[in-house]
């Protein structure tokens, strides 16, 4: 589990936005044998939508294209579910 607290202390001068807290389920395992290791990771296993507290804002697409709702942009969302593999070999 990976948890991040809500961001509620923001700078008006920098147009920072508040973001809610979130918890992600990340699963990882590895298998080692002589001379090598194989790693597998499933990040954000439940494919939860979340906003990056330090991700800044999009200013030229999405909600920022509407008038009056969010004049400076929308908060950047985090990455969805991802499956990662790694193979390490020693020579």
PDB file of N, CA and C in Angstrom:
ATOM      1  N   UNK A   1       0.839  -1.173   0.000  1.00  0.00           N
ATOM      2  CA  UNK A   1       0.000   0.000   0.000  1.00  0.00           C
ATOM      3  C   UNK A   1       0.887   1.241   0.000  1.00  0.00           C
ATOM      4  N   UNK A   2       0.448   2.221  -0.727  1.00  0.00           N
ATOM      5  CA  UNK A   2       1.153   3.500  -0.814  1.00  0.00           C
ATOM      6  C   UNK A   2       0.130   4.598  -0.547  1.00  0.00           C
ATOM      7  N   UNK A   3       0.304   5.345   0.553  1.00  0.00           N
ATOM      8  CA  UNK A   3      -0.663   6.383   0.927  1.00  0.00           C
ATOM      9  C   UNK A   3      -0.043   7.766   0.850  1.00  0.00           C
ATOM     10  N   UNK A   4      -0.837   8.726   0.392  1.00  0.00           N
ATOM     11  CA  UNK A   4      -0.426  10.127   0.308  1.00  0.00           C
ATOM     12  C   UNK A   4      -1.516  10.966   0.960  1.00  0.00           C
ATOM     13  N   UNK A   5      -1.117  11.886   1.821  1.00  0.00           N
ATOM     14  CA  UNK A   5      -2.071  12.763   2.498  1.00  0.00           C
ATOM     15  C   UNK A   5      -2.597  13.834   1.556  1.00  0.00           C
ATOM     16  N   UNK A   6      -3.726  14.405   1.912  1.00  0.00           N
ATOM     17  CA  UNK A   6      -4.311  15.497   1.133  1.00  0.00           C
ATOM     18  C   UNK A   6      -3.382  16.706   1.162  1.00  0.00           C
ATOM     19  N   UNK A   7      -3.352  17.444   0.067  1.00  0.00           N
ATOM     20  CA  UNK A   7      -2.576  18.680   0.000  1.00  0.00           C
ATOM     21  C   UNK A   7      -3.547  19.833   0.178  1.00  0.00           C
ATOM     22  N   UNK A   8      -3.446  20.510   1.332  1.00  0.00           N
ATOM     23  CA  UNK A   8      -4.365  21.618   1.572  1.00  0.00           C
ATOM     24  C   UNK A   8      -3.651  22.942   1.830  1.00  0.00           C
ATOM     25  N   UNK A   9      -2.331  22.921   1.944  1.00  0.00           N
ATOM     26  CA  UNK A   9      -1.559  24.160   2.062  1.00  0.00           C
ATOM     27  C   UNK A   9      -1.016  24.488   0.680  1.00  0.00           C
ATOM     28  N   UNK A  10      -1.575  25.513   0.051  1.00  0.00           N
ATOM     29  CA  UNK A  10      -1.214  25.849  -1.326  1.00  0.00           C
ATOM     30  C   UNK A  10      -0.819  27.311  -1.439  1.00  0.00           C
ATOM     31  N   UNK A  11      -0.101  27.619  -2.512  1.00  0.00           N
ATOM     32  CA  UNK A  11       0.307  28.987  -2.799  1.00  0.00           C
ATOM     33  C   UNK A  11      -0.632  29.587  -3.843  1.00  0.00           C
ATOM     34  N   UNK A  12      -1.319  30.667  -3.493  1.00  0.00           N
ATOM     35  CA  UNK A  12      -2.197  31.353  -4.448  1.00  0.00           C
ATOM     36  C   UNK A  12      -1.378  31.982  -5.567  1.00  0.00           C
ATOM     37  N   UNK A  13      -0.185  32.486  -5.241  1.00  0.00           N
ATOM     38  CA  UNK A  13       0.683  33.136  -6.235  1.00  0.00           C
ATOM     39  C   UNK A  13       1.080  32.143  -7.331  1.00  0.00           C
ATOM     40  N   UNK A  14       1.313  30.901  -6.947  1.00  0.00           N
ATOM     41  CA  UNK A  14       1.728  29.868  -7.913  1.00  0.00           C
ATOM     42  C   UNK A  14       0.556  29.103  -8.491  1.00  0.00           C
ATOM     43  N   UNK A  15      -0.652  29.507  -8.167  1.00  0.00           N
ATOM     44  CA  UNK A  15      -1.863  28.832  -8.653  1.00  0.00           C
ATOM     45  C   UNK A  15      -1.887  27.341  -8.301  1.00  0.00           C
ATOM     46  N   UNK A  16      -1.385  27.000  -7.117  1.00  0.00           N
ATOM     47  CA  UNK A  16      -1.425  25.602  -6.693  1.00  0.00           C
ATOM     48  C   UNK A  16      -2.858  25.214  -6.322  1.00  0.00           C
ATOM     49  N   UNK A  17      -3.182  23.963  -6.552  1.00  0.00           N
ATOM     50  CA  UNK A  17      -4.522  23.461  -6.238  1.00  0.00           C
ATOM     51  C   UNK A  17      -4.453  22.466  -5.090  1.00  0.00           C
ATOM     52  N   UNK A  18      -5.520  22.390  -4.318  1.00  0.00           N
ATOM     53  CA  UNK A  18      -5.606  21.352  -3.292  1.00  0.00           C
ATOM     54  C   UNK A  18      -5.885  20.019  -3.979  1.00  0.00           C
ATOM     55  N   UNK A  19      -5.421  18.936  -3.370  1.00  0.00           N
ATOM     56  CA  UNK A  19      -5.682  17.597  -3.899  1.00  0.00           C
ATOM     57  C   UNK A  19      -6.071  16.687  -2.739  1.00  0.00           C
ATOM     58  N   UNK A  20      -6.997  15.774  -2.970  1.00  0.00           N
ATOM     59  CA  UNK A  20      -7.384  14.843  -1.902  1.00  0.00           C
ATOM     60  C   UNK A  20      -6.296  13.793  -1.677  1.00  0.00           C
ATOM     61  N   UNK A  21      -6.295  13.189  -0.501  1.00  0.00           N
ATOM     62  CA  UNK A  21      -5.377  12.091  -0.234  1.00  0.00           C
ATOM     63  C   UNK A  21      -5.813  10.834  -0.991  1.00  0.00           C
ATOM     64  N   UNK A  22      -4.904   9.882  -1.087  1.00  0.00           N
ATOM     65  CA  UNK A  22      -5.231   8.633  -1.785  1.00  0.00           C
ATOM     66  C   UNK A  22      -4.342   7.505  -1.290  1.00  0.00           C
ATOM     67  N   UNK A  23      -4.773   6.285  -1.536  1.00  0.00           N
ATOM     68  CA  UNK A  23      -3.998   5.087  -1.227  1.00  0.00           C
ATOM     69  C   UNK A  23      -4.010   4.191  -2.449  1.00  0.00           C
ATOM     70  N   UNK A  24      -2.839   3.719  -2.836  1.00  0.00           N
ATOM     71  CA  UNK A  24      -2.713   2.831  -3.986  1.00  0.00           C
ATOM     72  C   UNK A  24      -2.246   1.460  -3.521  1.00  0.00           C
ATOM     73  N   UNK A  25      -2.705   0.424  -4.198  1.00  0.00           N
ATOM     74  CA  UNK A  25      -2.260  -0.935  -3.932  1.00  0.00           C
ATOM     75  C   UNK A  25      -1.223  -1.299  -4.983  1.00  0.00           C
ATOM     76  N   UNK A  26       0.024  -1.497  -4.534  1.00  0.00           N
ATOM     77  CA  UNK A  26       1.117  -1.895  -5.425  1.00  0.00           C
ATOM     78  C   UNK A  26       1.569  -3.292  -5.028  1.00  0.00           C
ATOM     79  N   UNK A  27       1.715  -4.188  -5.992  1.00  0.00           N
ATOM     80  CA  UNK A  27       2.143  -5.569  -5.745  1.00  0.00           C
ATOM     81  C   UNK A  27       3.463  -5.803  -6.468  1.00  0.00           C
ATOM     82  N   UNK A  28       4.433  -6.382  -5.748  1.00  0.00           N
ATOM     83  CA  UNK A  28       5.749  -6.631  -6.346  1.00  0.00           C
ATOM     84  C   UNK A  28       6.270  -7.977  -5.875  1.00  0.00           C
ATOM     85  N   UNK A  29       6.981  -8.637  -6.764  1.00  0.00           N
ATOM     86  CA  UNK A  29       7.641  -9.884  -6.408  1.00  0.00           C
ATOM     87  C   UNK A  29       8.874 -10.047  -7.294  1.00  0.00           C
ATOM     88  N   UNK A  30       9.772 -10.924  -6.869  1.00  0.00           N
ATOM     89  CA  UNK A  30      10.948 -11.216  -7.684  1.00  0.00           C
ATOM     90  C   UNK A  30      11.333 -12.678  -7.503  1.00  0.00           C
ATOM     91  N   UNK A  31      12.007 -13.183  -8.487  1.00  0.00           N
ATOM     92  CA  UNK A  31      12.485 -14.560  -8.470  1.00  0.00           C
ATOM     93  C   UNK A  31      13.962 -14.517  -8.837  1.00  0.00           C
ATOM     94  N   UNK A  32      14.809 -15.048  -7.954  1.00  0.00           N
ATOM     95  CA  UNK A  32      16.253 -15.042  -8.202  1.00  0.00           C
ATOM     96  C   UNK A  32      16.754 -16.464  -8.415  1.00  0.00           C
ATOM     97  N   UNK A  33      17.680 -16.602  -9.302  1.00  0.00           N
ATOM     98  CA  UNK A  33      18.351 -17.867  -9.527  1.00  0.00           C
ATOM     99  C   UNK A  33      19.806 -17.536  -9.823  1.00  0.00           C
ATOM    100  N   UNK A  34      20.658 -18.537  -9.983  1.00  0.00           N
ATOM    101  CA  UNK A  34      22.085 -18.255 -10.151  1.00  0.00           C
ATOM    102  C   UNK A  34      22.327 -17.351 -11.359  1.00  0.00           C
ATOM    103  N   UNK A  35      22.916 -16.224 -11.102  1.00  0.00           N
ATOM    104  CA  UNK A  35      23.272 -15.296 -12.165  1.00  0.00           C
ATOM    105  C   UNK A  35      22.145 -14.422 -12.680  1.00  0.00           C
ATOM    106  N   UNK A  36      20.993 -14.440 -12.053  1.00  0.00           N
ATOM    107  CA  UNK A  36      19.926 -13.600 -12.582  1.00  0.00           C
ATOM    108  C   UNK A  36      18.789 -13.364 -11.597  1.00  0.00           C
ATOM    109  N   UNK A  37      17.972 -12.400 -11.948  1.00  0.00           N
ATOM    110  CA  UNK A  37      16.783 -12.084 -11.148  1.00  0.00           C
ATOM    111  C   UNK A  37      15.699 -11.541 -12.083  1.00  0.00           C
ATOM    112  N   UNK A  38      14.466 -11.975 -11.861  1.00  0.00           N
ATOM    113  CA  UNK A  38      13.311 -11.524 -12.626  1.00  0.00           C
ATOM    114  C   UNK A  38      12.362 -10.821 -11.664  1.00  0.00           C
ATOM    115  N   UNK A  39      12.008  -9.565 -11.948  1.00  0.00           N
ATOM    116  CA  UNK A  39      11.118  -8.773 -11.110  1.00  0.00           C
ATOM    117  C   UNK A  39       9.814  -8.495 -11.857  1.00  0.00           C
ATOM    118  N   UNK A  40       8.699  -8.528 -11.115  1.00  0.00           N
ATOM    119  CA  UNK A  40       7.382  -8.186 -11.652  1.00  0.00           C
ATOM    120  C   UNK A  40       6.719  -7.217 -10.674  1.00  0.00           C
ATOM    121  N   UNK A  41       6.122  -6.153 -11.203  1.00  0.00           N
ATOM    122  CA  UNK A  41       5.425  -5.180 -10.359  1.00  0.00           C
ATOM    123  C   UNK A  41       4.106  -4.794 -11.015  1.00  0.00           C
ATOM    124  N   UNK A  42       3.053  -4.813 -10.227  1.00  0.00           N
ATOM    125  CA  UNK A  42       1.744  -4.327 -10.650  1.00  0.00           C
ATOM    126  C   UNK A  42       1.457  -3.100  -9.792  1.00  0.00           C
ATOM    127  N   UNK A  43       1.566  -1.925 -10.396  1.00  0.00           N
ATOM    128  CA  UNK A  43       1.374  -0.680  -9.660  1.00  0.00           C
ATOM    129  C   UNK A  43      -0.030  -0.144  -9.913  1.00  0.00           C
ATOM    130  N   UNK A  44      -0.628   0.443  -8.873  1.00  0.00           N
ATOM    131  CA  UNK A  44      -2.008   0.914  -8.902  1.00  0.00           C
ATOM    132  C   UNK A  44      -2.923  -0.224  -9.375  1.00  0.00           C
ATOM    133  N   UNK A  45      -2.820  -1.339  -8.682  1.00  0.00           N
ATOM    134  CA  UNK A  45      -3.517  -2.568  -9.074  1.00  0.00           C
ATOM    135  C   UNK A  45      -5.028  -2.395  -9.228  1.00  0.00           C
ATOM    136  N   UNK A  46      -5.638  -1.503  -8.451  1.00  0.00           N
ATOM    137  CA  UNK A  46      -7.084  -1.300  -8.522  1.00  0.00           C
ATOM    138  C   UNK A  46      -7.469  -0.205  -9.519  1.00  0.00           C
ATOM    139  N   UNK A  47      -6.476   0.335 -10.241  1.00  0.00           N
ATOM    140  CA  UNK A  47      -6.675   1.359 -11.266  1.00  0.00           C
ATOM    141  C   UNK A  47      -7.434   2.568 -10.707  1.00  0.00           C
ATOM    142  N   UNK A  48      -7.012   3.028  -9.534  1.00  0.00           N
ATOM    143  CA  UNK A  48      -7.661   4.152  -8.860  1.00  0.00           C
ATOM    144  C   UNK A  48      -7.284   5.473  -9.532  1.00  0.00           C
ATOM    145  N   UNK A  49      -8.268   6.349  -9.738  1.00  0.00           N
ATOM    146  CA  UNK A  49      -8.007   7.686 -10.251  1.00  0.00           C
ATOM    147  C   UNK A  49      -7.551   8.561  -9.083  1.00  0.00           C
ATOM    148  N   UNK A  50      -6.451   9.286  -9.272  1.00  0.00           N
ATOM    149  CA  UNK A  50      -5.943  10.172  -8.225  1.00  0.00           C
ATOM    150  C   UNK A  50      -5.227  11.352  -8.874  1.00  0.00           C
ATOM    151  N   UNK A  51      -5.081  12.415  -8.100  1.00  0.00           N
ATOM    152  CA  UNK A  51      -4.429  13.628  -8.585  1.00  0.00           C
ATOM    153  C   UNK A  51      -3.081  13.781  -7.902  1.00  0.00           C
ATOM    154  N   UNK A  52      -2.051  14.117  -8.689  1.00  0.00           N
ATOM    155  CA  UNK A  52      -0.707  14.266  -8.149  1.00  0.00           C
ATOM    156  C   UNK A  52      -0.569  15.586  -7.399  1.00  0.00           C
ATOM    157  N   UNK A  53      -0.248  15.548  -6.109  1.00  0.00           N
ATOM    158  CA  UNK A  53      -0.161  16.787  -5.328  1.00  0.00           C
ATOM    159  C   UNK A  53       0.937  17.726  -5.815  1.00  0.00           C
ATOM    160  N   UNK A  54       2.003  17.201  -6.385  1.00  0.00           N
ATOM    161  CA  UNK A  54       3.105  18.032  -6.872  1.00  0.00           C
ATOM    162  C   UNK A  54       3.208  17.998  -8.389  1.00  0.00           C
ATOM    163  N   UNK A  55       2.161  17.560  -9.062  1.00  0.00           N
ATOM    164  CA  UNK A  55       2.200  17.385 -10.512  1.00  0.00           C
ATOM    165  C   UNK A  55       1.971  18.640 -11.318  1.00  0.00           C
ATOM    166  N   UNK A  56       1.615  19.746 -10.678  1.00  0.00           N
ATOM    167  CA  UNK A  56       1.336  20.961 -11.430  1.00  0.00           C
ATOM    168  C   UNK A  56      -0.040  20.903 -12.065  1.00  0.00           C
ATOM    169  N   UNK A  57      -0.184  21.609 -13.180  1.00  0.00           N
ATOM    170  CA  UNK A  57      -1.489  21.666 -13.845  1.00  0.00           C
ATOM    171  C   UNK A  57      -1.318  21.721 -15.353  1.00  0.00           C
ATOM    172  N   UNK A  58      -2.223  21.080 -16.073  1.00  0.00           N
ATOM    173  CA  UNK A  58      -2.315  21.236 -17.520  1.00  0.00           C
ATOM    174  C   UNK A  58      -2.891  22.621 -17.775  1.00  0.00           C
ATOM    175  N   UNK A  59      -2.339  23.354 -18.722  1.00  0.00           N
ATOM    176  CA  UNK A  59      -2.876  24.682 -18.997  1.00  0.00           C
ATOM    177  C   UNK A  59      -3.406  24.832 -20.418  1.00  0.00           C
ATOM    178  N   UNK A  60      -3.339  23.805 -21.235  1.00  0.00           N
ATOM    179  CA  UNK A  60      -3.801  23.956 -22.603  1.00  0.00           C
ATOM    180  C   UNK A  60      -4.730  22.871 -23.080  1.00  0.00           C
ATOM    181  N   UNK A  61      -5.305  22.111 -22.170  1.00  0.00           N
ATOM    182  CA  UNK A  61      -6.214  21.040 -22.578  1.00  0.00           C
ATOM    183  C   UNK A  61      -7.139  20.673 -21.428  1.00  0.00           C
ATOM    184  N   UNK A  62      -8.056  19.790 -21.679  1.00  0.00           N
ATOM    185  CA  UNK A  62      -8.963  19.324 -20.631  1.00  0.00           C
ATOM    186  C   UNK A  62      -9.875  20.428 -20.131  1.00  0.00           C
ATOM    187  N   UNK A  63     -10.057  20.491 -18.817  1.00  0.00           N
ATOM    188  CA  UNK A  63     -10.961  21.469 -18.211  1.00  0.00           C
ATOM    189  C   UNK A  63     -10.549  22.909 -18.476  1.00  0.00           C
ATOM    190  N   UNK A  64      -9.280  23.152 -18.767  1.00  0.00           N
ATOM    191  CA  UNK A  64      -8.829  24.526 -18.977  1.00  0.00           C
ATOM    192  C   UNK A  64      -9.390  25.118 -20.274  1.00  0.00           C
ATOM    193  N   UNK A  65      -9.964  24.301 -21.138  1.00  0.00           N
ATOM    194  CA  UNK A  65     -10.529  24.797 -22.392  1.00  0.00           C
ATOM    195  C   UNK A  65     -11.934  25.366 -22.181  1.00  0.00           C
ATOM    196  N   UNK A  66     -12.522  25.147 -21.003  1.00  0.00           N
ATOM    197  CA  UNK A  66     -13.847  25.693 -20.724  1.00  0.00           C
ATOM    198  C   UNK A  66     -13.702  27.094 -20.135  1.00  0.00           C
ATOM    199  N   UNK A  67     -14.754  27.853 -20.149  1.00  0.00           N
ATOM    200  CA  UNK A  67     -14.673  29.216 -19.619  1.00  0.00           C
ATOM    201  C   UNK A  67     -15.216  29.285 -18.202  1.00  0.00           C
ATOM    202  N   UNK A  68     -14.448  29.891 -17.313  1.00  0.00           N
ATOM    203  CA  UNK A  68     -14.914  30.166 -15.971  1.00  0.00           C
ATOM    204  C   UNK A  68     -14.771  29.062 -14.943  1.00  0.00           C
ATOM    205  N   UNK A  69     -14.625  27.812 -15.336  1.00  0.00           N
ATOM    206  CA  UNK A  69     -14.549  26.742 -14.337  1.00  0.00           C
ATOM    207  C   UNK A  69     -13.190  26.716 -13.640  1.00  0.00           C
ATOM    208  N   UNK A  70     -12.150  26.497 -14.388  1.00  0.00           N
ATOM    209  CA  UNK A  70     -10.796  26.473 -13.839  1.00  0.00           C
ATOM    210  C   UNK A  70      -9.940  27.320 -14.776  1.00  0.00           C
ATOM    211  N   UNK A  71      -9.742  28.599 -14.476  1.00  0.00           N
ATOM    212  CA  UNK A  71      -9.116  29.503 -15.423  1.00  0.00           C
ATOM    213  C   UNK A  71      -7.665  29.205 -15.743  1.00  0.00           C
ATOM    214  N   UNK A  72      -6.948  28.539 -14.876  1.00  0.00           N
ATOM    215  CA  UNK A  72      -5.525  28.332 -15.117  1.00  0.00           C
ATOM    216  C   UNK A  72      -5.156  26.906 -15.483  1.00  0.00           C
ATOM    217  N   UNK A  73      -6.065  25.967 -15.457  1.00  0.00           N
ATOM    218  CA  UNK A  73      -5.753  24.595 -15.827  1.00  0.00           C
ATOM    219  C   UNK A  73      -6.357  23.594 -14.873  1.00  0.00           C
ATOM    220  N   UNK A  74      -6.091  22.322 -15.127  1.00  0.00           N
ATOM    221  CA  UNK A  74      -6.594  21.249 -14.265  1.00  0.00           C
ATOM    222  C   UNK A  74      -5.413  20.484 -13.679  1.00  0.00           C
ATOM    223  N   UNK A  75      -5.593  19.924 -12.494  1.00  0.00           N
ATOM    224  CA  UNK A  75      -4.538  19.187 -11.814  1.00  0.00           C
ATOM    225  C   UNK A  75      -4.192  17.927 -12.615  1.00  0.00           C
ATOM    226  N   UNK A  76      -2.909  17.607 -12.678  1.00  0.00           N
ATOM    227  CA  UNK A  76      -2.429  16.451 -13.435  1.00  0.00           C
ATOM    228  C   UNK A  76      -2.800  15.165 -12.696  1.00  0.00           C
ATOM    229  N   UNK A  77      -3.478  14.231 -13.379  1.00  0.00           N
ATOM    230  CA  UNK A  77      -3.815  12.955 -12.735  1.00  0.00           C
ATOM    231  C   UNK A  77      -2.602  12.036 -12.681  1.00  0.00           C
ATOM    232  N   UNK A  78      -2.645  11.075 -11.746  1.00  0.00           N
ATOM    233  CA  UNK A  78      -1.575  10.089 -11.628  1.00  0.00           C
ATOM    234  C   UNK A  78      -1.733   8.981 -12.660  1.00  0.00           C
ATOM    235  N   UNK A  79      -0.718   8.155 -12.726  1.00  0.00           N
ATOM    236  CA  UNK A  79      -0.682   7.062 -13.693  1.00  0.00           C
ATOM    237  C   UNK A  79      -1.678   5.972 -13.311  1.00  0.00           C
ATOM    238  N   UNK A  80      -2.307   5.391 -14.281  1.00  0.00           N
ATOM    239  CA  UNK A  80      -3.237   4.284 -14.050  1.00  0.00           C
ATOM    240  C   UNK A  80      -2.498   2.989 -13.782  1.00  0.00           C
ATOM    241  N   UNK A  81      -3.214   1.886 -13.827  1.00  0.00           N
ATOM    242  CA  UNK A  81      -2.618   0.575 -13.582  1.00  0.00           C
ATOM    243  C   UNK A  81      -1.473   0.327 -14.564  1.00  0.00           C
ATOM    244  N   UNK A  82      -0.375  -0.216 -14.056  1.00  0.00           N
ATOM    245  CA  UNK A  82       0.743  -0.550 -14.933  1.00  0.00           C
ATOM    246  C   UNK A  82       1.405  -1.842 -14.479  1.00  0.00           C
ATOM    247  N   UNK A  83       1.828  -2.623 -15.440  1.00  0.00           N
ATOM    248  CA  UNK A  83       2.511  -3.884 -15.189  1.00  0.00           C
ATOM    249  C   UNK A  83       3.928  -3.744 -15.702  1.00  0.00           C
ATOM    250  N   UNK A  84       4.909  -3.972 -14.828  1.00  0.00           N
ATOM    251  CA  UNK A  84       6.316  -3.767 -15.171  1.00  0.00           C
ATOM    252  C   UNK A  84       7.108  -5.044 -14.951  1.00  0.00           C
ATOM    253  N   UNK A  85       8.034  -5.309 -15.861  1.00  0.00           N
ATOM    254  CA  UNK A  85       8.915  -6.469 -15.784  1.00  0.00           C
ATOM    255  C   UNK A  85      10.356  -6.002 -15.855  1.00  0.00           C
ATOM    256  N   UNK A  86      11.252  -6.712 -15.160  1.00  0.00           N
ATOM    257  CA  UNK A  86      12.677  -6.423 -15.257  1.00  0.00           C
ATOM    258  C   UNK A  86      13.443  -7.747 -15.177  1.00  0.00           C
ATOM    259  N   UNK A  87      14.477  -7.850 -15.980  1.00  0.00           N
ATOM    260  CA  UNK A  87      15.342  -9.028 -15.980  1.00  0.00           C
ATOM    261  C   UNK A  87      16.762  -8.532 -15.794  1.00  0.00           C
ATOM    262  N   UNK A  88      17.416  -8.998 -14.728  1.00  0.00           N
ATOM    263  CA  UNK A  88      18.795  -8.638 -14.447  1.00  0.00           C
ATOM    264  C   UNK A  88      19.661  -9.893 -14.539  1.00  0.00           C
ATOM    265  N   UNK A  89      20.705  -9.828 -15.366  1.00  0.00           N
ATOM    266  CA  UNK A  89      21.610 -10.964 -15.540  1.00  0.00           C
ATOM    267  C   UNK A  89      23.020 -10.543 -15.183  1.00  0.00           C
ATOM    268  N   UNK A  90      23.750 -11.417 -14.500  1.00  0.00           N
ATOM    269  CA  UNK A  90      25.155 -11.189 -14.185  1.00  0.00           C
ATOM    270  C   UNK A  90      26.020 -12.054 -15.099  1.00  0.00           C
ATOM    271  N   UNK A  91      27.079 -11.456 -15.627  1.00  0.00           N
ATOM    272  CA  UNK A  91      27.989 -12.203 -16.517  1.00  0.00           C
ATOM    273  C   UNK A  91      29.264 -12.482 -15.784  1.00  0.00           C
TER     274      UNK A  91
END
